[in-house]
Amino acid sequence: MKYKPEYTKEEIDEMVNWFTSHTFEKEMDMGHGVYVRDVEQAIEPLMHMAKTQYENRNYSGAIHFLSLIRDELVKQNKVTGEK
């Protein structure tokens, strides 16, 4: 997803639903020096923040990072199934 300064509740709900309905590998190298050792542990606080702060533009970078994690999981074939 391309970076944007604001997100709608529907966009956040779709993203959170995607993460809660899929399983994925534990670790992922996102490139550019970003290595996620425990994806589940990384996305939990990001999802909470996205659900509670999506209207606050100050959090748009962190919400965008959540979307980048999802995009990389799919791109790297690290999605292992659906819950």
N, C-alpha and C. Protein backbone atom coordinates (compact mmCIF):
# COMPACT_ATOMS: atom_id res chain seq x y z
N MET A 1 0.84 -1.17 0.00
CA MET A 1 0.00 0.00 0.00
C MET A 1 0.89 1.24 0.00
N LYS A 2 0.55 2.19 -0.80
CA LYS A 2 1.30 3.44 -0.87
C LYS A 2 1.04 4.26 0.38
N TYR A 3 2.07 4.96 0.86
CA TYR A 3 1.92 5.78 2.05
C TYR A 3 0.85 6.84 1.84
N LYS A 4 0.06 7.06 2.87
CA LYS A 4 -0.92 8.14 2.85
C LYS A 4 -1.03 8.68 4.27
N PRO A 5 -1.30 9.95 4.42
CA PRO A 5 -1.31 10.54 5.75
C PRO A 5 -2.56 10.24 6.58
N GLU A 6 -3.61 9.75 5.94
CA GLU A 6 -4.84 9.45 6.67
C GLU A 6 -5.42 8.11 6.20
N TYR A 7 -6.05 7.41 7.13
CA TYR A 7 -6.66 6.12 6.84
C TYR A 7 -8.10 6.15 7.33
N THR A 8 -8.96 5.43 6.64
CA THR A 8 -10.35 5.33 7.06
C THR A 8 -10.51 4.13 7.99
N LYS A 9 -11.58 4.12 8.74
CA LYS A 9 -11.88 2.98 9.62
C LYS A 9 -12.00 1.71 8.80
N GLU A 10 -12.59 1.79 7.62
CA GLU A 10 -12.75 0.62 6.76
C GLU A 10 -11.40 0.05 6.33
N GLU A 11 -10.45 0.92 6.00
CA GLU A 11 -9.12 0.47 5.61
C GLU A 11 -8.42 -0.22 6.77
N ILE A 12 -8.55 0.35 7.95
CA ILE A 12 -7.93 -0.25 9.14
C ILE A 12 -8.58 -1.58 9.46
N ASP A 13 -9.91 -1.63 9.42
CA ASP A 13 -10.61 -2.89 9.69
C ASP A 13 -10.19 -3.98 8.72
N GLU A 14 -10.04 -3.63 7.44
CA GLU A 14 -9.63 -4.61 6.44
C GLU A 14 -8.23 -5.13 6.74
N MET A 15 -7.32 -4.23 7.10
CA MET A 15 -5.94 -4.62 7.39
C MET A 15 -5.88 -5.50 8.64
N VAL A 16 -6.56 -5.10 9.70
CA VAL A 16 -6.56 -5.88 10.94
C VAL A 16 -7.21 -7.25 10.71
N ASN A 17 -8.30 -7.28 9.97
CA ASN A 17 -8.95 -8.56 9.66
C ASN A 17 -8.03 -9.48 8.87
N TRP A 18 -7.24 -8.91 7.97
CA TRP A 18 -6.31 -9.74 7.20
C TRP A 18 -5.31 -10.40 8.14
N PHE A 19 -4.72 -9.63 9.05
CA PHE A 19 -3.73 -10.19 9.97
C PHE A 19 -4.34 -11.22 10.91
N THR A 20 -5.56 -10.97 11.38
CA THR A 20 -6.16 -11.90 12.34
C THR A 20 -6.71 -13.15 11.67
N SER A 21 -6.86 -13.14 10.36
CA SER A 21 -7.41 -14.32 9.67
C SER A 21 -6.36 -15.15 8.95
N HIS A 22 -5.08 -14.75 9.01
CA HIS A 22 -4.02 -15.49 8.35
C HIS A 22 -2.94 -15.91 9.34
N THR A 23 -2.24 -16.96 8.98
CA THR A 23 -1.06 -17.37 9.73
C THR A 23 0.14 -17.13 8.82
N PHE A 24 1.28 -16.92 9.44
CA PHE A 24 2.48 -16.60 8.67
C PHE A 24 3.71 -17.05 9.42
N GLU A 25 4.82 -17.10 8.70
CA GLU A 25 6.08 -17.51 9.32
C GLU A 25 6.47 -16.52 10.40
N LYS A 26 7.27 -16.99 11.35
CA LYS A 26 7.62 -16.18 12.51
C LYS A 26 8.57 -15.04 12.18
N GLU A 27 9.56 -15.27 11.32
CA GLU A 27 10.58 -14.27 11.05
C GLU A 27 10.50 -13.79 9.61
N MET A 28 10.98 -12.56 9.39
CA MET A 28 10.97 -12.02 8.03
C MET A 28 12.02 -10.92 7.89
N ASP A 29 12.77 -10.99 6.81
CA ASP A 29 13.71 -9.93 6.46
C ASP A 29 13.02 -9.04 5.44
N MET A 30 12.78 -7.79 5.82
CA MET A 30 12.06 -6.87 4.93
C MET A 30 13.00 -6.10 4.03
N GLY A 31 14.30 -6.33 4.14
CA GLY A 31 15.25 -5.59 3.34
C GLY A 31 15.52 -4.21 3.94
N HIS A 32 16.47 -3.51 3.37
CA HIS A 32 16.83 -2.17 3.81
C HIS A 32 17.18 -2.13 5.30
N GLY A 33 17.73 -3.22 5.82
CA GLY A 33 18.15 -3.28 7.20
C GLY A 33 17.03 -3.54 8.20
N VAL A 34 15.85 -3.91 7.72
CA VAL A 34 14.72 -4.16 8.61
C VAL A 34 14.49 -5.67 8.70
N TYR A 35 14.71 -6.22 9.89
CA TYR A 35 14.51 -7.64 10.14
C TYR A 35 13.50 -7.79 11.27
N VAL A 36 12.43 -8.51 11.02
CA VAL A 36 11.41 -8.73 12.03
C VAL A 36 11.61 -10.14 12.59
N ARG A 37 12.02 -10.21 13.84
CA ARG A 37 12.33 -11.50 14.45
C ARG A 37 11.06 -12.28 14.81
N ASP A 38 10.04 -11.57 15.26
CA ASP A 38 8.77 -12.22 15.62
C ASP A 38 7.64 -11.37 15.05
N VAL A 39 7.11 -11.78 13.91
CA VAL A 39 6.09 -11.00 13.21
C VAL A 39 4.86 -10.82 14.09
N GLU A 40 4.41 -11.87 14.73
CA GLU A 40 3.21 -11.78 15.58
C GLU A 40 3.40 -10.75 16.69
N GLN A 41 4.55 -10.77 17.32
CA GLN A 41 4.84 -9.82 18.39
C GLN A 41 4.94 -8.40 17.84
N ALA A 42 5.42 -8.24 16.64
CA ALA A 42 5.55 -6.91 16.04
C ALA A 42 4.20 -6.33 15.63
N ILE A 43 3.30 -7.17 15.13
CA ILE A 43 2.05 -6.62 14.60
C ILE A 43 1.00 -6.36 15.67
N GLU A 44 1.07 -7.04 16.80
CA GLU A 44 0.05 -6.85 17.85
C GLU A 44 -0.06 -5.39 18.29
N PRO A 45 1.04 -4.75 18.72
CA PRO A 45 0.90 -3.35 19.13
C PRO A 45 0.57 -2.42 17.95
N LEU A 46 1.05 -2.76 16.77
CA LEU A 46 0.74 -1.93 15.60
C LEU A 46 -0.74 -2.00 15.25
N MET A 47 -1.34 -3.18 15.37
CA MET A 47 -2.77 -3.31 15.10
C MET A 47 -3.58 -2.55 16.15
N HIS A 48 -3.19 -2.66 17.41
CA HIS A 48 -3.90 -1.94 18.46
C HIS A 48 -3.84 -0.44 18.21
N MET A 49 -2.64 0.05 17.89
CA MET A 49 -2.46 1.47 17.62
C MET A 49 -3.26 1.91 16.40
N ALA A 50 -3.28 1.09 15.37
CA ALA A 50 -4.03 1.42 14.16
C ALA A 50 -5.52 1.51 14.46
N LYS A 51 -6.03 0.60 15.27
CA LYS A 51 -7.46 0.60 15.60
C LYS A 51 -7.85 1.80 16.46
N THR A 52 -6.95 2.26 17.30
CA THR A 52 -7.30 3.34 18.22
C THR A 52 -6.85 4.72 17.77
N GLN A 53 -5.87 4.80 16.87
CA GLN A 53 -5.30 6.09 16.50
C GLN A 53 -5.36 6.40 15.01
N TYR A 54 -6.16 5.66 14.24
CA TYR A 54 -6.16 5.85 12.79
C TYR A 54 -6.55 7.26 12.36
N GLU A 55 -7.28 7.99 13.19
CA GLU A 55 -7.68 9.34 12.84
C GLU A 55 -6.58 10.37 13.12
N ASN A 56 -5.55 9.98 13.83
CA ASN A 56 -4.46 10.87 14.20
C ASN A 56 -3.33 10.73 13.18
N ARG A 57 -3.08 11.77 12.44
CA ARG A 57 -2.06 11.74 11.37
C ARG A 57 -0.66 11.42 11.89
N ASN A 58 -0.41 11.68 13.16
CA ASN A 58 0.91 11.41 13.72
C ASN A 58 1.26 9.92 13.70
N TYR A 59 0.27 9.07 13.60
CA TYR A 59 0.48 7.62 13.60
C TYR A 59 0.44 7.00 12.21
N SER A 60 0.32 7.81 11.19
CA SER A 60 0.18 7.26 9.83
C SER A 60 1.42 6.50 9.39
N GLY A 61 2.60 6.88 9.85
CA GLY A 61 3.82 6.15 9.49
C GLY A 61 3.83 4.74 10.05
N ALA A 62 3.39 4.61 11.30
CA ALA A 62 3.34 3.28 11.91
C ALA A 62 2.26 2.41 11.26
N ILE A 63 1.15 3.03 10.90
CA ILE A 63 0.10 2.28 10.21
C ILE A 63 0.60 1.84 8.84
N HIS A 64 1.33 2.70 8.18
CA HIS A 64 1.91 2.34 6.88
C HIS A 64 2.89 1.18 7.05
N PHE A 65 3.67 1.17 8.12
CA PHE A 65 4.60 0.07 8.37
C PHE A 65 3.84 -1.25 8.51
N LEU A 66 2.68 -1.22 9.14
CA LEU A 66 1.85 -2.42 9.25
C LEU A 66 1.45 -2.91 7.86
N SER A 67 1.09 -2.00 6.98
CA SER A 67 0.73 -2.40 5.62
C SER A 67 1.94 -2.94 4.86
N LEU A 68 3.13 -2.38 5.13
CA LEU A 68 4.34 -2.90 4.49
C LEU A 68 4.65 -4.32 4.95
N ILE A 69 4.43 -4.61 6.23
CA ILE A 69 4.63 -5.96 6.74
C ILE A 69 3.71 -6.93 5.99
N ARG A 70 2.44 -6.56 5.85
CA ARG A 70 1.50 -7.42 5.13
C ARG A 70 1.96 -7.63 3.69
N ASP A 71 2.34 -6.55 3.01
CA ASP A 71 2.78 -6.65 1.62
C ASP A 71 4.00 -7.56 1.48
N GLU A 72 4.95 -7.44 2.40
CA GLU A 72 6.16 -8.26 2.34
C GLU A 72 5.86 -9.73 2.66
N LEU A 73 4.97 -9.98 3.60
CA LEU A 73 4.58 -11.37 3.89
C LEU A 73 4.02 -12.04 2.64
N VAL A 74 3.19 -11.33 1.92
CA VAL A 74 2.60 -11.88 0.69
C VAL A 74 3.67 -12.02 -0.38
N LYS A 75 4.46 -10.98 -0.57
CA LYS A 75 5.50 -10.98 -1.62
C LYS A 75 6.51 -12.10 -1.41
N GLN A 76 6.88 -12.37 -0.16
CA GLN A 76 7.88 -13.38 0.14
C GLN A 76 7.27 -14.77 0.37
N ASN A 77 5.99 -14.93 0.09
CA ASN A 77 5.30 -16.21 0.28
C ASN A 77 5.44 -16.74 1.71
N LYS A 78 5.33 -15.85 2.68
CA LYS A 78 5.46 -16.23 4.08
C LYS A 78 4.10 -16.41 4.75
N VAL A 79 3.02 -16.24 4.01
CA VAL A 79 1.69 -16.52 4.54
C VAL A 79 1.49 -18.02 4.47
N THR A 80 1.26 -18.64 5.62
CA THR A 80 1.22 -20.10 5.67
C THR A 80 -0.19 -20.66 5.67
N GLY A 81 -1.19 -19.83 5.81
CA GLY A 81 -2.56 -20.33 5.79
C GLY A 81 -3.54 -19.33 6.35
N GLU A 82 -4.75 -19.81 6.52
CA GLU A 82 -5.80 -18.98 7.11
C GLU A 82 -6.21 -19.60 8.43
N LYS A 83 -6.60 -18.75 9.35
CA LYS A 83 -7.02 -19.21 10.68
C LYS A 83 -8.46 -19.65 10.63
